[in-house]
Amino acid sequence: PTPDPRPLAPVPARPRNFPPRAGFTKRYYKESRVSRKDKYVITRHTTIWLGLTALALLAPAARMAYSQQTVGATFGDVVKLPGGTPSDIVLDEARQRLYLINNTTSLVYVFDYTTNQVVTTIGVGKTPLAGAMSMDGNWLYVTSSGNATLNVIDLTKGLVTQTVSLTSAPQGVEVGADGRALISMVGTGVVSGVPQGTLAVYDQNQTAGSQVQYVNVPALPTTPAPLPAPTLTRPTTTFSGKLLRTPDGQHIVGVITPTSSTTYVFVYEVASGVVLQNRTISGASSVLSMAPDGSRFMAGFTMFDMSTLAIIAQQNNANAPFAFTGAVNTLQNIGGSIFSPDGSTLYSAFNTAATSTPPPPSQSSTLLVNDPANLAIRLGIKLP
C-alpha cells in the first residue's frame, strides 16, 4: 500500500503530576501593628508556600487586565488573641513559637503556631513595648516603658531572671552578634543637636553596677542643601522608637524620636559600640524590616540605604497594577513589610483608610508583593 503522505497529528503530552510543593519556596510574613478591633492578623502562622513561577506568570497578566478582573479568593486565618493587638512579635523558629508582647496586659503571650494556641504567658513590667531574642535563642529581652525597665527572660526556663532599671522609658530593643542588647529610650531631649540618653547597651556578663552602658550619639545632621527637606509629619504608631539588626548581627538600625519634633534614623556597629551614621528625618515610621544582605532597610513605607541612609524609594499605590480603594495613609496605622529570605521580594501591607479622629478601622487586607529594589508593586493578594 502507498504510505499516507499526510503528517501524523501530534500526540498531546500526558499530564504530569508534580511532586508536592515542587517549585515552591518557603516564606514567612509578619504584619506589624495592623489591627481590627480585638483581632490581630497573622497570615499563615506556620509557613506560606508561594509558587514563584506561578506569581511570575500571573504578574504580566495582572498588569494587562487588572481593570477587567478581580480575584475574590483569600488565604490565611484570623486568630483572636487575648488582650488585643500585640505591640511587637518575636519569631522563635527553633521552638515554633511567637512571643507576642502585649502592652495592655503586661504579659508576653507564648503562641504555638503549629496549633494556633497560646501555650503560656510570662509576666513582665508595666506597659511592655518591644522584644528581641538573642541570636543563640536562649534569651528574650522585653522593654517596659511604664516602669522604665528591661526584662531579661531565660527562654530555657520560660521566666524573667532579671529586671534592669533604666534612666528613661525604654522603647525598642535588639541583640547583636556579641549577645549584648541595644536599648532605645525616650531620653531627656536634644542639646545642641545631640540626643541625650537615647541609647544604652545591656551586657549581662558584667557585674551588676556595670551592666548598662550609655552610647554617645553624634550631633544630628540636617538635610544638606540644595536637597528639599522631607515634609511628612511623623505617623502615629504604638511607640516611637524601634531597633532591628542585620542578619549577621554586626549592625543595628533604629528610629528614635527624642522630642515631638525630632526623629532620627541611625546605624550602630555592634563590635565597636559606636553609632556610625545618623540623620534627622520627618515622617519616619518605627516599623522596620531588613534586607537579607543588610544593604537596605524599610522604615514604614520608606526604603533606606544602609551605608549612606539615603532614601532609595517609597511605597506608592500609584505603582500598583490594580486599583486601590485609597492612597496609603501616612499618619495612622500605616502597616509594615518584610523581605523574603533570598531578597528577591518584599511583602508589605499598608493602611488605606482615610485619616480621621478617632482613627477608623484599618483597611490593610491586601498583601502586596513588591520589587525590593524600587518598591514597584507586582501583585496583590487578598487577606481575610
Protein backbone atom coordinates (compact mmCIF):
# COMPACT_ATOMS: atom_id res chain seq x y z
CA PRO A 1 0.00 0.00 0.00
CA THR A 2 1.05 3.57 -0.69
CA PRO A 3 2.04 5.44 2.53
CA ASP A 4 -0.23 8.27 3.55
CA PRO A 5 1.77 11.50 2.88
CA ARG A 6 -0.15 13.49 5.47
CA PRO A 7 1.82 14.09 8.71
CA LEU A 8 0.59 12.39 11.79
CA ALA A 9 -1.26 14.57 14.28
CA PRO A 10 0.92 15.37 17.30
CA VAL A 11 0.17 13.25 20.33
CA PRO A 12 -0.77 15.53 23.25
CA ALA A 13 1.64 15.38 26.16
CA ARG A 14 0.44 13.27 29.04
CA PRO A 15 -0.49 15.33 32.08
CA ARG A 16 2.20 15.05 34.73
CA ASN A 17 1.65 15.28 38.46
CA PHE A 18 4.23 17.48 40.12
CA PRO A 19 5.66 16.37 43.44
CA PRO A 20 4.29 18.19 46.47
CA ARG A 21 5.44 21.80 46.68
CA ALA A 22 7.62 21.46 43.59
CA GLY A 23 8.93 24.87 42.56
CA PHE A 24 7.62 26.44 45.71
CA THR A 25 9.60 28.49 48.16
CA LYS A 26 9.10 28.86 51.88
CA ARG A 27 8.21 32.36 53.02
CA TYR A 28 7.39 33.96 56.36
CA TYR A 29 5.20 37.03 56.71
CA LYS A 30 4.75 39.24 59.70
CA GLU A 31 2.28 42.13 59.63
CA SER A 32 3.13 44.78 62.19
CA ARG A 33 0.50 46.73 64.12
CA VAL A 34 -2.36 46.18 61.71
CA SER A 35 -5.40 45.55 63.88
CA ARG A 36 -9.11 45.07 63.60
CA LYS A 37 -10.61 45.85 66.95
CA ASP A 38 -9.63 42.88 69.16
CA LYS A 39 -8.13 40.78 66.37
CA TYR A 40 -4.64 40.55 65.01
CA VAL A 41 -4.00 39.16 61.55
CA ILE A 42 -1.26 36.54 61.31
CA THR A 43 -1.01 35.27 57.77
CA ARG A 44 -0.34 31.55 57.94
CA HIS A 45 1.17 31.41 61.39
CA THR A 46 3.08 28.34 60.29
CA THR A 47 4.51 29.00 56.83
CA ILE A 48 3.43 30.36 53.48
CA TRP A 49 4.37 28.36 50.39
CA LEU A 50 4.37 30.67 47.41
CA GLY A 51 4.87 29.36 43.90
CA LEU A 52 7.23 31.91 42.46
CA THR A 53 6.78 30.51 38.98
CA ALA A 54 3.04 30.98 39.26
CA LEU A 55 3.49 34.53 40.54
CA ALA A 56 5.82 35.34 37.65
CA LEU A 57 3.23 34.10 35.18
CA LEU A 58 0.36 35.88 36.85
CA ALA A 59 2.06 39.25 37.23
CA PRO A 60 2.17 40.19 33.49
CA ALA A 61 -1.44 39.15 33.07
CA ALA A 62 -2.41 41.23 36.07
CA ARG A 63 -0.73 44.30 34.60
CA MET A 64 -2.62 43.87 31.32
CA ALA A 65 -6.07 43.11 32.66
CA TYR A 66 -6.29 44.33 36.23
CA SER A 67 -9.25 46.57 35.44
CA GLN A 68 -11.23 43.66 33.99
CA GLN A 69 -10.82 41.05 36.70
CA THR A 70 -11.00 40.70 40.46
CA VAL A 71 -9.79 37.67 42.35
CA GLY A 72 -12.00 37.06 45.36
CA ALA A 73 -10.20 34.13 46.96
CA THR A 74 -8.37 34.69 50.25
CA PHE A 75 -5.95 32.69 52.33
CA GLY A 76 -4.72 32.71 55.91
CA ASP A 77 -6.52 32.66 59.23
CA VAL A 78 -7.74 35.37 61.59
CA VAL A 79 -6.96 34.38 65.17
CA LYS A 80 -8.47 36.17 68.14
CA LEU A 81 -5.81 36.94 70.71
CA PRO A 82 -6.30 37.78 74.39
CA GLY A 83 -5.51 41.39 75.16
CA GLY A 84 -5.97 42.55 71.57
CA THR A 85 -3.23 43.56 69.14
CA PRO A 86 0.33 42.97 70.41
CA SER A 87 2.78 45.85 70.22
CA ASP A 88 5.56 43.56 69.00
CA ILE A 89 6.15 39.98 67.83
CA VAL A 90 9.30 37.88 68.10
CA LEU A 91 9.67 34.73 65.98
CA ASP A 92 11.34 31.66 67.53
CA GLU A 93 11.65 29.15 64.69
CA ALA A 94 13.56 26.57 66.72
CA ARG A 95 10.70 26.25 69.22
CA GLN A 96 7.98 27.02 66.64
CA ARG A 97 6.73 29.85 68.82
CA LEU A 98 5.80 33.50 68.54
CA TYR A 99 6.34 35.78 71.53
CA LEU A 100 3.52 38.33 71.50
CA ILE A 101 4.35 41.46 73.52
CA ASN A 102 1.11 42.91 74.89
CA ASN A 103 1.27 46.45 76.26
CA THR A 104 -2.22 46.41 77.78
CA THR A 105 -1.93 43.26 79.90
CA SER A 106 1.84 43.48 80.67
CA LEU A 107 2.23 39.91 79.51
CA VAL A 108 4.22 38.06 76.88
CA TYR A 109 1.93 35.51 75.24
CA VAL A 110 3.78 32.42 74.02
CA PHE A 111 1.96 31.36 70.86
CA ASP A 112 2.48 27.91 69.28
CA TYR A 113 1.98 28.48 65.55
CA THR A 114 1.66 24.75 64.82
CA THR A 115 -1.53 24.56 66.88
CA ASN A 116 -2.57 28.25 66.73
CA GLN A 117 -2.84 28.38 70.52
CA VAL A 118 -1.36 30.41 73.35
CA VAL A 119 0.51 27.82 75.44
CA THR A 120 1.66 30.04 78.32
CA THR A 121 2.26 33.62 79.42
CA ILE A 122 5.22 35.43 81.00
CA GLY A 123 4.59 38.41 83.25
CA VAL A 124 6.81 41.48 82.65
CA GLY A 125 6.96 45.11 83.77
CA LYS A 126 4.26 47.70 83.13
CA THR A 127 3.42 48.61 79.52
CA PRO A 128 5.85 46.41 77.58
CA LEU A 129 6.54 47.65 74.06
CA ALA A 130 9.24 45.68 72.25
CA GLY A 131 11.03 42.35 72.37
CA ALA A 132 14.19 40.84 70.88
CA MET A 133 15.72 37.37 71.08
CA SER A 134 19.44 36.65 71.32
CA MET A 135 20.94 35.00 68.25
CA ASP A 136 21.61 31.79 70.20
CA GLY A 137 17.91 31.57 71.07
CA ASN A 138 18.45 31.47 74.83
CA TRP A 139 17.32 34.94 75.92
CA LEU A 140 14.37 37.22 75.26
CA TYR A 141 14.63 40.91 76.16
CA VAL A 142 11.45 42.97 76.64
CA THR A 143 11.28 46.72 77.27
CA SER A 144 8.68 48.07 79.72
CA SER A 145 8.02 51.79 79.30
CA GLY A 146 5.57 52.02 82.20
CA ASN A 147 8.25 51.47 84.85
CA ALA A 148 11.42 52.13 82.77
CA THR A 149 12.85 48.61 82.93
CA LEU A 150 14.34 45.91 80.73
CA ASN A 151 13.02 42.39 81.37
CA VAL A 152 15.55 39.60 80.86
CA ILE A 153 13.79 36.29 80.13
CA ASP A 154 15.52 32.91 80.16
CA LEU A 155 13.76 31.01 77.36
CA THR A 156 15.04 27.63 78.58
CA LYS A 157 13.12 28.24 81.83
CA GLY A 158 10.33 30.47 80.49
CA LEU A 159 10.64 33.12 83.21
CA VAL A 160 12.11 36.55 83.97
CA THR A 161 15.51 36.17 85.63
CA GLN A 162 16.41 39.88 85.92
CA THR A 163 14.70 43.26 85.81
CA VAL A 164 17.06 46.10 84.87
CA SER A 165 16.24 49.72 85.77
CA LEU A 166 16.85 52.40 83.12
CA THR A 167 17.09 56.20 83.34
CA SER A 168 14.16 56.89 81.00
CA ALA A 169 11.31 55.00 79.38
CA PRO A 170 12.67 52.34 77.00
CA GLN A 171 11.11 51.61 73.65
CA GLY A 172 12.95 49.44 71.12
CA VAL A 173 15.44 46.66 71.84
CA GLU A 174 17.68 44.47 69.67
CA VAL A 175 20.52 41.98 70.26
CA GLY A 176 23.73 41.92 68.24
CA ALA A 177 26.10 39.11 67.39
CA ASP A 178 28.03 39.70 70.62
CA GLY A 179 24.97 38.89 72.74
CA ARG A 180 24.61 42.41 74.14
CA ALA A 181 21.25 44.16 73.96
CA LEU A 182 20.93 47.67 72.49
CA ILE A 183 18.05 49.65 74.01
CA SER A 184 16.45 52.81 72.62
CA MET A 185 14.89 55.19 75.12
CA VAL A 186 12.91 58.41 75.20
CA GLY A 187 15.93 60.19 76.68
CA THR A 188 15.99 63.70 78.08
CA GLY A 189 15.82 65.76 74.89
CA VAL A 190 18.26 67.25 72.39
CA VAL A 191 21.03 69.66 73.40
CA SER A 192 22.96 71.48 70.64
CA GLY A 193 21.73 68.92 68.15
CA VAL A 194 22.85 65.94 70.27
CA PRO A 195 20.19 63.49 71.59
CA GLN A 196 20.60 62.89 75.31
CA GLY A 197 20.28 59.44 76.87
CA THR A 198 18.51 57.76 73.94
CA LEU A 199 20.72 54.65 73.57
CA ALA A 200 22.18 52.16 76.04
CA VAL A 201 23.82 48.73 75.90
CA TYR A 202 23.00 45.95 78.39
CA ASP A 203 25.62 43.22 78.97
CA GLN A 204 24.53 40.52 81.41
CA ASN A 205 28.10 39.19 81.63
CA GLN A 206 29.21 42.33 83.50
CA THR A 207 28.82 42.95 87.21
CA ALA A 208 25.53 44.37 88.44
CA GLY A 209 26.66 48.00 88.55
CA SER A 210 28.28 47.90 85.11
CA GLN A 211 25.72 46.01 83.04
CA VAL A 212 24.19 49.15 81.45
CA GLN A 213 26.44 51.48 79.48
CA TYR A 214 25.11 54.52 77.61
CA VAL A 215 26.01 55.12 73.96
CA ASN A 216 27.12 58.52 72.72
CA VAL A 217 25.07 59.72 69.75
CA PRO A 218 26.65 62.16 67.26
CA ALA A 219 25.03 65.50 66.59
CA LEU A 220 22.13 65.13 64.20
CA PRO A 221 22.89 66.41 60.69
CA THR A 222 20.18 68.24 58.83
CA THR A 223 19.24 67.70 55.20
CA PRO A 224 22.09 69.17 53.10
CA ALA A 225 21.27 71.99 50.70
CA PRO A 226 20.09 72.08 47.97
CA LEU A 227 18.11 68.87 48.64
CA PRO A 228 14.49 69.54 49.65
CA ALA A 229 13.74 68.63 53.25
CA PRO A 230 11.08 65.93 53.84
CA THR A 231 7.81 67.46 54.98
CA LEU A 232 5.72 64.49 56.12
CA THR A 233 4.71 64.57 59.76
CA ARG A 234 5.54 61.55 61.88
CA PRO A 235 2.97 58.72 61.72
CA THR A 236 1.10 57.70 64.83
CA THR A 237 2.43 54.31 65.98
CA THR A 238 2.19 52.37 69.22
CA PHE A 239 5.64 53.59 70.21
CA SER A 240 8.07 55.94 68.54
CA GLY A 241 11.39 54.06 68.74
CA LYS A 242 12.40 50.66 67.39
CA LEU A 243 15.56 48.73 66.53
CA LEU A 244 16.42 45.93 64.09
CA ARG A 245 19.66 44.06 63.45
CA THR A 246 21.19 42.92 60.20
CA PRO A 247 21.01 39.12 59.62
CA ASP A 248 24.67 38.69 60.59
CA GLY A 249 24.16 40.68 63.79
CA GLN A 250 27.04 43.07 63.04
CA HIS A 251 24.89 46.23 62.73
CA ILE A 252 21.65 47.52 64.22
CA VAL A 253 19.45 50.20 62.65
CA GLY A 254 16.90 52.24 64.54
CA VAL A 255 14.36 55.03 64.55
CA ILE A 256 14.17 57.24 67.66
CA THR A 257 12.10 60.33 68.47
CA PRO A 258 13.76 62.16 71.39
CA THR A 259 11.36 65.11 71.05
CA SER A 260 7.97 65.63 69.44
CA SER A 261 9.65 67.50 66.57
CA THR A 262 12.84 65.42 66.18
CA THR A 263 13.03 61.97 64.61
CA TYR A 264 16.29 60.36 63.58
CA VAL A 265 17.40 57.12 61.96
CA PHE A 266 20.83 55.65 62.64
CA VAL A 267 23.20 52.72 62.06
CA TYR A 268 25.01 51.22 65.09
CA GLU A 269 28.06 48.99 64.81
CA VAL A 270 27.89 46.11 67.28
CA ALA A 271 31.61 45.33 67.55
CA SER A 272 32.70 48.90 68.36
CA GLY A 273 29.55 50.04 70.16
CA VAL A 274 29.53 53.19 68.04
CA VAL A 275 26.81 54.95 66.03
CA LEU A 276 28.34 55.06 62.55
CA GLN A 277 25.87 57.50 61.00
CA ASN A 278 22.54 59.13 61.71
CA ARG A 279 20.24 61.69 60.16
CA THR A 280 17.08 63.55 61.04
CA ILE A 281 14.03 62.63 59.00
CA SER A 282 10.43 63.70 59.33
CA GLY A 283 7.70 61.19 58.61
CA ALA A 284 9.81 58.13 59.54
CA SER A 285 7.89 55.18 60.95
CA SER A 286 9.38 52.86 63.57
CA VAL A 287 8.06 49.74 61.79
CA LEU A 288 11.28 48.24 60.40
CA SER A 289 12.33 45.40 58.10
CA MET A 290 15.80 44.42 56.89
CA ALA A 291 17.10 43.09 53.55
CA PRO A 292 18.81 39.69 53.97
CA ASP A 293 22.13 41.09 52.72
CA GLY A 294 21.93 44.03 55.14
CA SER A 295 22.30 46.59 52.36
CA ARG A 296 18.99 48.42 52.90
CA PHE A 297 16.05 48.56 55.26
CA MET A 298 12.45 49.70 55.36
CA ALA A 299 11.04 52.17 57.88
CA GLY A 300 7.30 52.14 57.28
CA PHE A 301 6.81 52.76 53.56
CA THR A 302 10.31 54.25 53.03
CA MET A 303 13.42 52.31 51.94
CA PHE A 304 16.84 53.49 53.19
CA ASP A 305 20.37 52.62 52.05
CA MET A 306 22.41 51.22 54.97
CA SER A 307 25.74 52.79 54.05
CA THR A 308 24.50 56.33 53.41
CA LEU A 309 20.99 56.49 54.96
CA ALA A 310 19.84 57.94 51.65
CA ILE A 311 16.20 57.28 50.71
CA ILE A 312 16.05 54.76 47.86
CA ALA A 313 12.29 54.57 47.31
CA GLN A 314 8.89 55.00 48.92
CA GLN A 315 5.85 52.78 48.64
CA ASN A 316 3.11 54.33 46.48
CA ASN A 317 -0.20 52.80 45.49
CA ALA A 318 0.12 54.58 42.12
CA ASN A 319 2.74 51.93 41.22
CA ALA A 320 0.25 49.06 41.59
CA PRO A 321 -1.07 47.02 38.62
CA PHE A 322 -4.56 47.18 40.14
CA ALA A 323 -6.87 49.77 41.64
CA PHE A 324 -6.65 50.79 45.32
CA THR A 325 -9.59 52.00 47.39
CA GLY A 326 -7.44 54.91 48.56
CA ALA A 327 -3.89 56.18 48.98
CA VAL A 328 -1.57 54.76 51.65
CA ASN A 329 -2.29 56.53 54.93
CA THR A 330 0.91 58.28 56.03
CA LEU A 331 -0.27 59.10 59.55
CA GLN A 332 -2.36 56.35 61.11
CA ASN A 333 -1.58 52.63 61.45
CA ILE A 334 0.47 52.54 58.28
CA GLY A 335 1.47 48.85 58.47
CA GLY A 336 4.81 47.30 57.61
CA SER A 337 6.85 44.98 55.42
CA ILE A 338 9.30 42.08 55.34
CA PHE A 339 11.87 40.85 52.82
CA SER A 340 11.87 37.27 51.54
CA PRO A 341 14.85 35.17 52.75
CA ASP A 342 16.55 35.34 49.35
CA GLY A 343 15.94 39.09 49.00
CA SER A 344 14.06 38.76 45.71
CA THR A 345 10.71 40.03 47.05
CA LEU A 346 9.37 42.49 49.59
CA TYR A 347 5.99 41.67 51.15
CA SER A 348 4.03 44.55 52.68
CA ALA A 349 0.62 45.64 53.87
CA PHE A 350 -0.38 49.26 54.40
CA ASN A 351 -3.47 51.05 55.65
CA THR A 352 -5.51 52.88 53.01
CA ALA A 353 -8.28 54.19 55.29
CA ALA A 354 -8.56 57.98 55.27
CA THR A 355 -7.15 59.90 58.23
CA SER A 356 -9.76 60.91 60.77
CA THR A 357 -10.26 61.38 64.52
CA PRO A 358 -10.75 58.93 66.10
CA PRO A 359 -8.83 56.67 63.67
CA PRO A 360 -11.13 54.41 61.62
CA PRO A 361 -10.60 50.63 61.39
CA SER A 362 -7.54 49.77 59.33
CA GLN A 363 -8.02 48.92 55.66
CA SER A 364 -4.92 46.81 55.08
CA SER A 365 -6.29 43.49 53.88
CA THR A 366 -4.14 43.30 50.73
CA LEU A 367 -0.73 41.63 50.93
CA LEU A 368 1.45 43.49 48.42
CA VAL A 369 4.22 41.66 46.54
CA ASN A 370 6.88 44.29 45.75
CA ASP A 371 10.11 44.64 43.82
CA PRO A 372 12.72 45.04 46.62
CA ALA A 373 14.86 47.38 44.51
CA ASN A 374 12.31 50.09 43.69
CA LEU A 375 9.11 49.08 45.58
CA ALA A 376 7.11 48.59 42.39
CA ILE A 377 4.02 46.53 43.23
CA ARG A 378 3.95 43.24 41.31
CA LEU A 379 0.87 41.61 42.80
CA GLY A 380 -1.79 42.00 45.47
CA ILE A 381 -3.19 39.07 47.48
CA LYS A 382 -6.39 39.47 49.48
CA LEU A 383 -6.25 38.57 53.16
CA PRO A 384 -9.26 37.68 55.31
